[in-house]
PDB file of N, CA and C in Angstrom:
ATOM      1  N   MET A   1     -66.740 -11.374   7.704  1.00  0.00           N
ATOM      2  CA  MET A   1     -66.044 -10.649   8.822  1.00  0.00           C
ATOM      3  C   MET A   1     -65.222 -11.730   9.415  1.00  0.00           C
ATOM      4  N   THR A   2     -63.994 -11.245   9.930  1.00  0.00           N
ATOM      5  CA  THR A   2     -63.070 -12.127  10.635  1.00  0.00           C
ATOM      6  C   THR A   2     -63.238 -11.868  12.168  1.00  0.00           C
ATOM      7  N   PRO A   3     -63.097 -13.031  12.909  1.00  0.00           N
ATOM      8  CA  PRO A   3     -63.287 -12.889  14.375  1.00  0.00           C
ATOM      9  C   PRO A   3     -62.158 -11.951  14.885  1.00  0.00           C
ATOM     10  N   PRO A   4     -62.461 -11.268  15.993  1.00  0.00           N
ATOM     11  CA  PRO A   4     -61.503 -10.246  16.670  1.00  0.00           C
ATOM     12  C   PRO A   4     -60.209 -10.937  17.063  1.00  0.00           C
ATOM     13  N   ASN A   5     -60.130 -12.148  17.392  1.00  0.00           N
ATOM     14  CA  ASN A   5     -58.936 -12.836  17.795  1.00  0.00           C
ATOM     15  C   ASN A   5     -58.047 -13.122  16.530  1.00  0.00           C
ATOM     16  N   ALA A   6     -58.686 -13.444  15.387  1.00  0.00           N
ATOM     17  CA  ALA A   6     -57.990 -13.706  14.196  1.00  0.00           C
ATOM     18  C   ALA A   6     -57.311 -12.401  13.730  1.00  0.00           C
ATOM     19  N   ARG A   7     -58.197 -11.207  13.846  1.00  0.00           N
ATOM     20  CA  ARG A   7     -57.552 -10.062  13.435  1.00  0.00           C
ATOM     21  C   ARG A   7     -56.427  -9.561  14.284  1.00  0.00           C
ATOM     22  N   ARG A   8     -56.384  -9.797  15.561  1.00  0.00           N
ATOM     23  CA  ARG A   8     -55.307  -9.567  16.523  1.00  0.00           C
ATOM     24  C   ARG A   8     -54.095 -10.424  16.102  1.00  0.00           C
ATOM     25  N   VAL A   9     -54.235 -11.565  15.920  1.00  0.00           N
ATOM     26  CA  VAL A   9     -53.074 -12.395  15.534  1.00  0.00           C
ATOM     27  C   VAL A   9     -52.613 -12.017  14.117  1.00  0.00           C
ATOM     28  N   LEU A  10     -53.429 -11.623  13.303  1.00  0.00           N
ATOM     29  CA  LEU A  10     -52.939 -11.093  11.912  1.00  0.00           C
ATOM     30  C   LEU A  10     -52.107  -9.830  12.111  1.00  0.00           C
ATOM     31  N   THR A  11     -52.560  -8.941  12.938  1.00  0.00           N
ATOM     32  CA  THR A  11     -51.954  -7.635  13.230  1.00  0.00           C
ATOM     33  C   THR A  11     -50.557  -7.960  13.917  1.00  0.00           C
ATOM     34  N   VAL A  12     -50.564  -8.899  14.927  1.00  0.00           N
ATOM     35  CA  VAL A  12     -49.352  -9.166  15.574  1.00  0.00           C
ATOM     36  C   VAL A  12     -48.285  -9.802  14.515  1.00  0.00           C
ATOM     37  N   LEU A  13     -48.753 -10.611  13.663  1.00  0.00           N
ATOM     38  CA  LEU A  13     -47.920 -11.218  12.709  1.00  0.00           C
ATOM     39  C   LEU A  13     -47.372 -10.197  11.687  1.00  0.00           C
ATOM     40  N   VAL A  14     -48.131  -9.171  11.311  1.00  0.00           N
ATOM     41  CA  VAL A  14     -47.818  -8.136  10.456  1.00  0.00           C
ATOM     42  C   VAL A  14     -46.744  -7.274  11.063  1.00  0.00           C
ATOM     43  N   ILE A  15     -46.992  -6.987  12.290  1.00  0.00           N
ATOM     44  CA  ILE A  15     -46.031  -6.106  13.045  1.00  0.00           C
ATOM     45  C   ILE A  15     -44.809  -6.908  13.290  1.00  0.00           C
ATOM     46  N   ALA A  16     -44.865  -8.127  13.697  1.00  0.00           N
ATOM     47  CA  ALA A  16     -43.630  -8.905  13.809  1.00  0.00           C
ATOM     48  C   ALA A  16     -42.803  -9.009  12.477  1.00  0.00           C
ATOM     49  N   GLY A  17     -43.495  -9.146  11.499  1.00  0.00           N
ATOM     50  CA  GLY A  17     -42.905  -9.270  10.115  1.00  0.00           C
ATOM     51  C   GLY A  17     -42.178  -7.952   9.777  1.00  0.00           C
ATOM     52  N   LEU A  18     -42.882  -6.753  10.101  1.00  0.00           N
ATOM     53  CA  LEU A  18     -42.288  -5.459   9.748  1.00  0.00           C
ATOM     54  C   LEU A  18     -41.045  -5.270  10.641  1.00  0.00           C
ATOM     55  N   ILE A  19     -41.147  -5.667  11.927  1.00  0.00           N
ATOM     56  CA  ILE A  19     -39.911  -5.653  12.829  1.00  0.00           C
ATOM     57  C   ILE A  19     -38.713  -6.471  12.279  1.00  0.00           C
ATOM     58  N   ALA A  20     -39.050  -7.704  11.943  1.00  0.00           N
ATOM     59  CA  ALA A  20     -37.971  -8.548  11.383  1.00  0.00           C
ATOM     60  C   ALA A  20     -37.490  -7.964  10.062  1.00  0.00           C
ATOM     61  N   LEU A  21     -38.227  -7.425   9.269  1.00  0.00           N
ATOM     62  CA  LEU A  21     -37.830  -6.765   7.965  1.00  0.00           C
ATOM     63  C   LEU A  21     -36.982  -5.509   8.267  1.00  0.00           C
ATOM     64  N   ALA A  22     -37.406  -4.839   9.364  1.00  0.00           N
ATOM     65  CA  ALA A  22     -36.565  -3.563   9.659  1.00  0.00           C
ATOM     66  C   ALA A  22     -35.117  -4.034  10.160  1.00  0.00           C
ATOM     67  N   ALA A  23     -35.238  -5.159  11.033  1.00  0.00           N
ATOM     68  CA  ALA A  23     -33.876  -5.605  11.659  1.00  0.00           C
ATOM     69  C   ALA A  23     -33.005  -6.072  10.536  1.00  0.00           C
ATOM     70  N   VAL A  24     -33.520  -6.799   9.562  1.00  0.00           N
ATOM     71  CA  VAL A  24     -32.668  -7.393   8.366  1.00  0.00           C
ATOM     72  C   VAL A  24     -32.228  -6.196   7.728  1.00  0.00           C
ATOM     73  N   ALA A  25     -32.974  -5.109   7.444  1.00  0.00           N
ATOM     74  CA  ALA A  25     -32.614  -4.053   6.640  1.00  0.00           C
ATOM     75  C   ALA A  25     -31.549  -3.302   7.321  1.00  0.00           C
ATOM     76  N   THR A  26     -31.669  -3.130   8.704  1.00  0.00           N
ATOM     77  CA  THR A  26     -30.728  -2.310   9.427  1.00  0.00           C
ATOM     78  C   THR A  26     -29.376  -3.204   9.382  1.00  0.00           C
ATOM     79  N   TRP A  27     -29.390  -4.421   9.582  1.00  0.00           N
ATOM     80  CA  TRP A  27     -28.140  -5.309   9.547  1.00  0.00           C
ATOM     81  C   TRP A  27     -27.600  -5.171   8.121  1.00  0.00           C
ATOM     82  N   THR A  28     -28.307  -5.298   7.163  1.00  0.00           N
ATOM     83  CA  THR A  28     -27.684  -5.356   5.749  1.00  0.00           C
ATOM     84  C   THR A  28     -27.234  -4.027   5.419  1.00  0.00           C
ATOM     85  N   TRP A  29     -28.020  -3.012   5.590  1.00  0.00           N
ATOM     86  CA  TRP A  29     -27.703  -1.708   5.022  1.00  0.00           C
ATOM     87  C   TRP A  29     -27.012  -0.677   6.136  1.00  0.00           C
ATOM     88  N   GLY A  30     -26.902  -1.184   7.377  1.00  0.00           N
ATOM     89  CA  GLY A  30     -26.404  -0.405   8.411  1.00  0.00           C
ATOM     90  C   GLY A  30     -25.015  -1.098   8.970  1.00  0.00           C
ATOM     91  N   VAL A  31     -25.232  -2.208   9.644  1.00  0.00           N
ATOM     92  CA  VAL A  31     -24.093  -2.750  10.351  1.00  0.00           C
ATOM     93  C   VAL A  31     -23.082  -3.223   9.400  1.00  0.00           C
ATOM     94  N   VAL A  32     -23.486  -4.044   8.475  1.00  0.00           N
ATOM     95  CA  VAL A  32     -22.446  -4.605   7.564  1.00  0.00           C
ATOM     96  C   VAL A  32     -21.624  -3.504   6.861  1.00  0.00           C
ATOM     97  N   PRO A  33     -22.327  -2.570   6.294  1.00  0.00           N
ATOM     98  CA  PRO A  33     -21.429  -1.601   5.606  1.00  0.00           C
ATOM     99  C   PRO A  33     -20.525  -0.855   6.486  1.00  0.00           C
ATOM    100  N   VAL A  34     -20.991  -0.542   7.767  1.00  0.00           N
ATOM    101  CA  VAL A  34     -20.081   0.122   8.799  1.00  0.00           C
ATOM    102  C   VAL A  34     -18.962  -0.869   9.203  1.00  0.00           C
ATOM    103  N   ARG A  35     -19.175  -2.122   9.272  1.00  0.00           N
ATOM    104  CA  ARG A  35     -18.021  -3.063   9.512  1.00  0.00           C
ATOM    105  C   ARG A  35     -17.072  -3.044   8.341  1.00  0.00           C
ATOM    106  N   ASN A  36     -17.628  -3.001   7.197  1.00  0.00           N
ATOM    107  CA  ASN A  36     -16.759  -3.136   5.992  1.00  0.00           C
ATOM    108  C   ASN A  36     -15.858  -1.692   5.944  1.00  0.00           C
ATOM    109  N   TRP A  37     -16.585  -0.731   6.281  1.00  0.00           N
ATOM    110  CA  TRP A  37     -15.919   0.642   6.193  1.00  0.00           C
ATOM    111  C   TRP A  37     -14.663   0.743   7.236  1.00  0.00           C
ATOM    112  N   VAL A  38     -15.129   0.188   8.425  1.00  0.00           N
ATOM    113  CA  VAL A  38     -14.015   0.060   9.533  1.00  0.00           C
ATOM    114  C   VAL A  38     -12.772  -0.722   9.016  1.00  0.00           C
ATOM    115  N   ALA A  39     -13.173  -1.908   8.395  1.00  0.00           N
ATOM    116  CA  ALA A  39     -12.077  -2.743   7.893  1.00  0.00           C
ATOM    117  C   ALA A  39     -11.266  -2.057   6.935  1.00  0.00           C
ATOM    118  N   GLN A  40     -12.004  -1.351   5.990  1.00  0.00           N
ATOM    119  CA  GLN A  40     -11.301  -0.684   4.860  1.00  0.00           C
ATOM    120  C   GLN A  40     -10.396   0.439   5.357  1.00  0.00           C
ATOM    121  N   ARG A  41     -10.814   1.112   6.332  1.00  0.00           N
ATOM    122  CA  ARG A  41     -10.095   2.308   7.056  1.00  0.00           C
ATOM    123  C   ARG A  41      -8.723   1.626   7.611  1.00  0.00           C
ATOM    124  N   ASN A  42      -8.920   0.635   8.334  1.00  0.00           N
ATOM    125  CA  ASN A  42      -7.686  -0.114   8.958  1.00  0.00           C
ATOM    126  C   ASN A  42      -6.780  -0.547   7.819  1.00  0.00           C
ATOM    127  N   GLU A  43      -7.310  -1.045   6.742  1.00  0.00           N
ATOM    128  CA  GLU A  43      -6.391  -1.553   5.718  1.00  0.00           C
ATOM    129  C   GLU A  43      -5.734  -0.336   5.008  1.00  0.00           C
ATOM    130  N   ILE A  44      -6.481   0.722   4.916  1.00  0.00           N
ATOM    131  CA  ILE A  44      -5.866   1.984   4.309  1.00  0.00           C
ATOM    132  C   ILE A  44      -4.773   2.501   5.205  1.00  0.00           C
ATOM    133  N   THR A  45      -5.012   2.407   6.461  1.00  0.00           N
ATOM    134  CA  THR A  45      -3.952   2.987   7.520  1.00  0.00           C
ATOM    135  C   THR A  45      -2.680   2.052   7.412  1.00  0.00           C
ATOM    136  N   ARG A  46      -2.920   0.775   7.349  1.00  0.00           N
ATOM    137  CA  ARG A  46      -1.842  -0.183   7.191  1.00  0.00           C
ATOM    138  C   ARG A  46      -1.040   0.028   5.826  1.00  0.00           C
ATOM    139  N   LEU A  47      -1.840   0.285   4.746  1.00  0.00           N
ATOM    140  CA  LEU A  47      -1.137   0.397   3.506  1.00  0.00           C
ATOM    141  C   LEU A  47      -0.438   1.804   3.440  1.00  0.00           C
ATOM    142  N   GLU A  48      -0.908   2.793   4.117  1.00  0.00           N
ATOM    143  CA  GLU A  48      -0.255   4.055   4.010  1.00  0.00           C
ATOM    144  C   GLU A  48       0.992   4.020   4.836  1.00  0.00           C
ATOM    145  N   ALA A  49       1.062   3.287   5.960  1.00  0.00           N
ATOM    146  CA  ALA A  49       2.334   3.058   6.687  1.00  0.00           C
ATOM    147  C   ALA A  49       3.321   2.333   5.868  1.00  0.00           C
ATOM    148  N   GLN A  50       2.893   1.340   5.203  1.00  0.00           N
ATOM    149  CA  GLN A  50       3.625   0.469   4.161  1.00  0.00           C
ATOM    150  C   GLN A  50       4.290   1.403   3.228  1.00  0.00           C
ATOM    151  N   LEU A  51       3.308   2.254   2.563  1.00  0.00           N
ATOM    152  CA  LEU A  51       3.829   3.172   1.475  1.00  0.00           C
ATOM    153  C   LEU A  51       4.893   4.117   2.030  1.00  0.00           C
ATOM    154  N   ALA A  52       4.732   4.644   3.318  1.00  0.00           N
ATOM    155  CA  ALA A  52       5.752   5.497   3.838  1.00  0.00           C
ATOM    156  C   ALA A  52       7.042   4.911   3.948  1.00  0.00           C
ATOM    157  N   GLU A  53       7.128   3.646   4.397  1.00  0.00           N
ATOM    158  CA  GLU A  53       8.359   2.942   4.568  1.00  0.00           C
ATOM    159  C   GLU A  53       8.976   2.758   3.142  1.00  0.00           C
ATOM    160  N   VAL A  54       8.177   2.407   2.150  1.00  0.00           N
ATOM    161  CA  VAL A  54       8.717   2.242   0.821  1.00  0.00           C
ATOM    162  C   VAL A  54       9.305   3.503   0.191  1.00  0.00           C
ATOM    163  N   GLU A  55       8.513   4.588   0.496  1.00  0.00           N
ATOM    164  CA  GLU A  55       9.076   5.918  -0.023  1.00  0.00           C
ATOM    165  C   GLU A  55      10.476   6.334   0.688  1.00  0.00           C
ATOM    166  N   VAL A  56      10.628   6.027   2.029  1.00  0.00           N
ATOM    167  CA  VAL A  56      11.854   6.231   2.659  1.00  0.00           C
ATOM    168  C   VAL A  56      12.951   5.355   2.030  1.00  0.00           C
ATOM    169  N   SER A  57      12.634   4.029   1.807  1.00  0.00           N
ATOM    170  CA  SER A  57      13.595   3.201   1.138  1.00  0.00           C
ATOM    171  C   SER A  57      13.924   3.605  -0.262  1.00  0.00           C
ATOM    172  N   ASN A  58      12.983   4.200  -0.972  1.00  0.00           N
ATOM    173  CA  ASN A  58      13.353   4.781  -2.402  1.00  0.00           C
ATOM    174  C   ASN A  58      14.243   5.819  -2.210  1.00  0.00           C
ATOM    175  N   VAL A  59      14.063   6.785  -1.293  1.00  0.00           N
ATOM    176  CA  VAL A  59      14.912   8.004  -1.102  1.00  0.00           C
ATOM    177  C   VAL A  59      16.419   7.476  -0.872  1.00  0.00           C
ATOM    178  N   ALA A  60      16.454   6.460  -0.023  1.00  0.00           N
ATOM    179  CA  ALA A  60      17.930   6.004   0.337  1.00  0.00           C
ATOM    180  C   ALA A  60      18.404   5.264  -0.856  1.00  0.00           C
ATOM    181  N   LEU A  61      17.572   4.482  -1.623  1.00  0.00           N
ATOM    182  CA  LEU A  61      18.204   3.915  -2.879  1.00  0.00           C
ATOM    183  C   LEU A  61      18.594   4.862  -3.924  1.00  0.00           C
ATOM    184  N   GLU A  62      17.790   5.951  -4.074  1.00  0.00           N
ATOM    185  CA  GLU A  62      18.119   6.973  -5.068  1.00  0.00           C
ATOM    186  C   GLU A  62      19.453   7.646  -4.722  1.00  0.00           C
ATOM    187  N   ALA A  63      19.642   7.915  -3.439  1.00  0.00           N
ATOM    188  CA  ALA A  63      20.932   8.548  -2.964  1.00  0.00           C
ATOM    189  C   ALA A  63      22.114   7.483  -3.264  1.00  0.00           C
ATOM    190  N   GLU A  64      21.876   6.208  -3.155  1.00  0.00           N
ATOM    191  CA  GLU A  64      22.911   5.276  -3.387  1.00  0.00           C
ATOM    192  C   GLU A  64      23.199   5.192  -4.911  1.00  0.00           C
ATOM    193  N   ILE A  65      22.126   5.281  -5.664  1.00  0.00           N
ATOM    194  CA  ILE A  65      22.280   5.191  -7.141  1.00  0.00           C
ATOM    195  C   ILE A  65      23.222   6.413  -7.500  1.00  0.00           C
ATOM    196  N   ARG A  66      22.922   7.614  -6.961  1.00  0.00           N
ATOM    197  CA  ARG A  66      23.764   8.776  -7.344  1.00  0.00           C
ATOM    198  C   ARG A  66      25.219   8.553  -6.940  1.00  0.00           C
ATOM    199  N   LEU A  67      25.419   8.050  -5.762  1.00  0.00           N
ATOM    200  CA  LEU A  67      26.757   7.764  -5.285  1.00  0.00           C
ATOM    201  C   LEU A  67      27.348   6.812  -6.153  1.00  0.00           C
ATOM    202  N   LEU A  68      26.750   5.664  -6.507  1.00  0.00           N
ATOM    203  CA  LEU A  68      27.336   4.633  -7.350  1.00  0.00           C
ATOM    204  C   LEU A  68      27.751   5.121  -8.768  1.00  0.00           C
ATOM    205  N   GLN A  69      27.244   6.321  -9.187  1.00  0.00           N
ATOM    206  CA  GLN A  69      27.600   6.796 -10.535  1.00  0.00           C
ATOM    207  C   GLN A  69      28.657   7.807 -10.498  1.00  0.00           C
ATOM    208  N   THR A  70      29.271   8.003  -9.294  1.00  0.00           N
ATOM    209  CA  THR A  70      30.377   8.957  -9.310  1.00  0.00           C
ATOM    210  C   THR A  70      31.680   8.022  -9.503  1.00  0.00           C
ATOM    211  N   ASP A  71      32.755   8.868 -10.057  1.00  0.00           N
ATOM    212  CA  ASP A  71      33.968   8.146 -10.463  1.00  0.00           C
ATOM    213  C   ASP A  71      34.646   7.679  -9.158  1.00  0.00           C
ATOM    214  N   ALA A  72      34.639   8.522  -8.139  1.00  0.00           N
ATOM    215  CA  ALA A  72      35.305   8.151  -6.845  1.00  0.00           C
ATOM    216  C   ALA A  72      34.763   6.827  -6.203  1.00  0.00           C
ATOM    217  N   GLU A  73      33.462   6.740  -6.256  1.00  0.00           N
ATOM    218  CA  GLU A  73      32.833   5.530  -5.670  1.00  0.00           C
ATOM    219  C   GLU A  73      33.175   4.359  -6.618  1.00  0.00           C
ATOM    220  N   ILE A  74      33.167   4.423  -7.819  1.00  0.00           N
ATOM    221  CA  ILE A  74      33.530   3.372  -8.687  1.00  0.00           C
ATOM    222  C   ILE A  74      34.931   2.869  -8.489  1.00  0.00           C
ATOM    223  N   GLU A  75      35.770   3.918  -8.281  1.00  0.00           N
ATOM    224  CA  GLU A  75      37.199   3.565  -8.058  1.00  0.00           C
ATOM    225  C   GLU A  75      37.369   2.845  -6.638  1.00  0.00           C
ATOM    226  N   ARG A  76      36.612   3.359  -5.680  1.00  0.00           N
ATOM    227  CA  ARG A  76      36.697   2.735  -4.374  1.00  0.00           C
ATOM    228  C   ARG A  76      36.292   1.303  -4.306  1.00  0.00           C
ATOM    229  N   ILE A  77      35.236   1.082  -5.016  1.00  0.00           N
ATOM    230  CA  ILE A  77      34.714  -0.319  -5.169  1.00  0.00           C
ATOM    231  C   ILE A  77      35.654  -1.263  -5.874  1.00  0.00           C
ATOM    232  N   ALA A  78      36.206  -0.684  -6.925  1.00  0.00           N
ATOM    233  CA  ALA A  78      37.049  -1.530  -7.721  1.00  0.00           C
ATOM    234  C   ALA A  78      38.297  -1.814  -6.945  1.00  0.00           C
ATOM    235  N   ARG A  79      38.871  -0.908  -6.243  1.00  0.00           N
ATOM    236  CA  ARG A  79      40.018  -1.227  -5.450  1.00  0.00           C
ATOM    237  C   ARG A  79      39.699  -2.189  -4.319  1.00  0.00           C
ATOM    238  N   ARG A  80      38.588  -2.008  -3.537  1.00  0.00           N
ATOM    239  CA  ARG A  80      38.194  -2.786  -2.403  1.00  0.00           C
ATOM    240  C   ARG A  80      37.810  -4.186  -2.776  1.00  0.00           C
ATOM    241  N   ASP A  81      36.919  -4.272  -3.798  1.00  0.00           N
ATOM    242  CA  ASP A  81      36.269  -5.622  -4.128  1.00  0.00           C
ATOM    243  C   ASP A  81      37.050  -6.425  -5.174  1.00  0.00           C
ATOM    244  N   PHE A  82      37.860  -5.703  -6.004  1.00  0.00           N
ATOM    245  CA  PHE A  82      38.509  -6.461  -7.052  1.00  0.00           C
ATOM    246  C   PHE A  82      40.074  -6.291  -7.017  1.00  0.00           C
ATOM    247  N   GLY A  83      40.563  -5.487  -6.119  1.00  0.00           N
ATOM    248  CA  GLY A  83      42.084  -5.315  -6.025  1.00  0.00           C
ATOM    249  C   GLY A  83      42.587  -4.603  -7.219  1.00  0.00           C
ATOM    250  N   LEU A  84      41.797  -3.872  -7.858  1.00  0.00           N
ATOM    251  CA  LEU A  84      42.402  -3.160  -9.118  1.00  0.00           C
ATOM    252  C   LEU A  84      43.270  -1.952  -8.656  1.00  0.00           C
ATOM    253  N   VAL A  85      44.300  -1.706  -9.415  1.00  0.00           N
ATOM    254  CA  VAL A  85      45.110  -0.589  -9.181  1.00  0.00           C
ATOM    255  C   VAL A  85      45.506   0.062 -10.496  1.00  0.00           C
ATOM    256  N   TYR A  86      45.942   1.290 -10.358  1.00  0.00           N
ATOM    257  CA  TYR A  86      46.399   2.122 -11.624  1.00  0.00           C
ATOM    258  C   TYR A  86      47.641   1.466 -12.115  1.00  0.00           C
ATOM    259  N   PRO A  87      48.062   1.613 -13.418  1.00  0.00           N
ATOM    260  CA  PRO A  87      49.374   1.270 -13.794  1.00  0.00           C
ATOM    261  C   PRO A  87      50.426   1.938 -12.998  1.00  0.00           C
ATOM    262  N   GLY A  88      51.377   1.160 -12.596  1.00  0.00           N
ATOM    263  CA  GLY A  88      52.537   1.636 -11.810  1.00  0.00           C
ATOM    264  C   GLY A  88      52.355   1.521 -10.258  1.00  0.00           C
ATOM    265  N   GLU A  89      51.100   1.161  -9.825  1.00  0.00           N
ATOM    266  CA  GLU A  89      50.791   0.864  -8.447  1.00  0.00           C
ATOM    267  C   GLU A  89      50.979  -0.595  -8.178  1.00  0.00           C
ATOM    268  N   GLU A  90      51.245  -0.848  -6.936  1.00  0.00           N
ATOM    269  CA  GLU A  90      51.369  -2.258  -6.539  1.00  0.00           C
ATOM    270  C   GLU A  90      50.188  -2.590  -5.543  1.00  0.00           C
ATOM    271  N   ALA A  91      49.605  -3.716  -5.751  1.00  0.00           N
ATOM    272  CA  ALA A  91      48.504  -4.201  -4.836  1.00  0.00           C
ATOM    273  C   ALA A  91      49.178  -5.249  -3.897  1.00  0.00           C
ATOM    274  N   TYR A  92      48.689  -5.128  -2.677  1.00  0.00           N
ATOM    275  CA  TYR A  92      49.100  -6.115  -1.633  1.00  0.00           C
ATOM    276  C   TYR A  92      47.840  -6.716  -0.990  1.00  0.00           C
ATOM    277  N   ALA A  93      48.012  -8.054  -0.718  1.00  0.00           N
ATOM    278  CA  ALA A  93      46.950  -8.742   0.022  1.00  0.00           C
ATOM    279  C   ALA A  93      47.386  -9.115   1.351  1.00  0.00           C
ATOM    280  N   ILE A  94      46.796  -8.679   2.352  1.00  0.00           N
ATOM    281  CA  ILE A  94      47.145  -9.015   3.794  1.00  0.00           C
ATOM    282  C   ILE A  94      46.234 -10.189   4.175  1.00  0.00           C
ATOM    283  N   LEU A  95      46.870 -11.311   4.439  1.00  0.00           N
ATOM    284  CA  LEU A  95      46.124 -12.473   4.861  1.00  0.00           C
ATOM    285  C   LEU A  95      45.960 -12.508   6.321  1.00  0.00           C
ATOM    286  N   PRO A  96      44.899 -13.158   6.756  1.00  0.00           N
ATOM    287  CA  PRO A  96      44.595 -13.240   8.116  1.00  0.00           C
ATOM    288  C   PRO A  96      45.625 -14.264   8.779  1.00  0.00           C
ATOM    289  N   ARG A  97      45.881 -14.047  10.167  1.00  0.00           N
ATOM    290  CA  ARG A  97      46.763 -14.959  10.906  1.00  0.00           C
ATOM    291  C   ARG A  97      46.184 -16.357  10.751  1.00  0.00           C
ATOM    292  N   PRO A  98      46.921 -17.372  10.817  1.00  0.00           N
ATOM    293  CA  PRO A  98      46.506 -18.770  10.855  1.00  0.00           C
ATOM    294  C   PRO A  98      45.953 -19.059  12.148  1.00  0.00           C
ATOM    295  N   VAL A  99      44.860 -19.846  12.181  1.00  0.00           N
ATOM    296  CA  VAL A  99      44.303 -20.210  13.473  1.00  0.00           C
ATOM    297  C   VAL A  99      45.095 -21.296  14.100  1.00  0.00           C
ATOM    298  N   ALA A 100      45.193 -21.130  15.461  1.00  0.00           N
ATOM    299  CA  ALA A 100      46.087 -21.980  16.226  1.00  0.00           C
ATOM    300  C   ALA A 100      45.538 -23.473  16.153  1.00  0.00           C
ATOM    301  N   GLY A 101      46.342 -24.464  15.926  1.00  0.00           N
ATOM    302  CA  GLY A 101      45.989 -25.865  15.931  1.00  0.00           C
ATOM    303  C   GLY A 101      45.392 -26.214  14.586  1.00  0.00           C
ATOM    304  N   SER A 102      45.458 -25.430  13.592  1.00  0.00           N
ATOM    305  CA  SER A 102      44.923 -25.838  12.283  1.00  0.00           C
ATOM    306  C   SER A 102      46.009 -26.472  11.305  1.00  0.00           C
ATOM    307  N   GLY A 103      47.241 -26.539  11.909  1.00  0.00           N
ATOM    308  CA  GLY A 103      48.271 -27.002  10.937  1.00  0.00           C
ATOM    309  C   GLY A 103      48.945 -28.190  11.422  1.00  0.00           C
TER     310      GLY A 103
END
């Protein structure tokens, strides 16, 4: 037979161990997963906003692609950027005014 004090100490140690085990289990299976879940939700929200921006950009780029495939836009760019003209037309280049004191 064990003395009553030893039995009490053993009981207290077992209860303390069970409480510690419950605390670790709660932290491991409760708090940490919740923290991870919240972090993942925040990341999902951020990525969804980023995706929405990319989708808006894609719509604008698709419209630009359609425009760039038209004859009128190709002609406009050729005239503006390269000074191209149809046969029989004359191209003029207007130079900027000279800056005062540069000559």
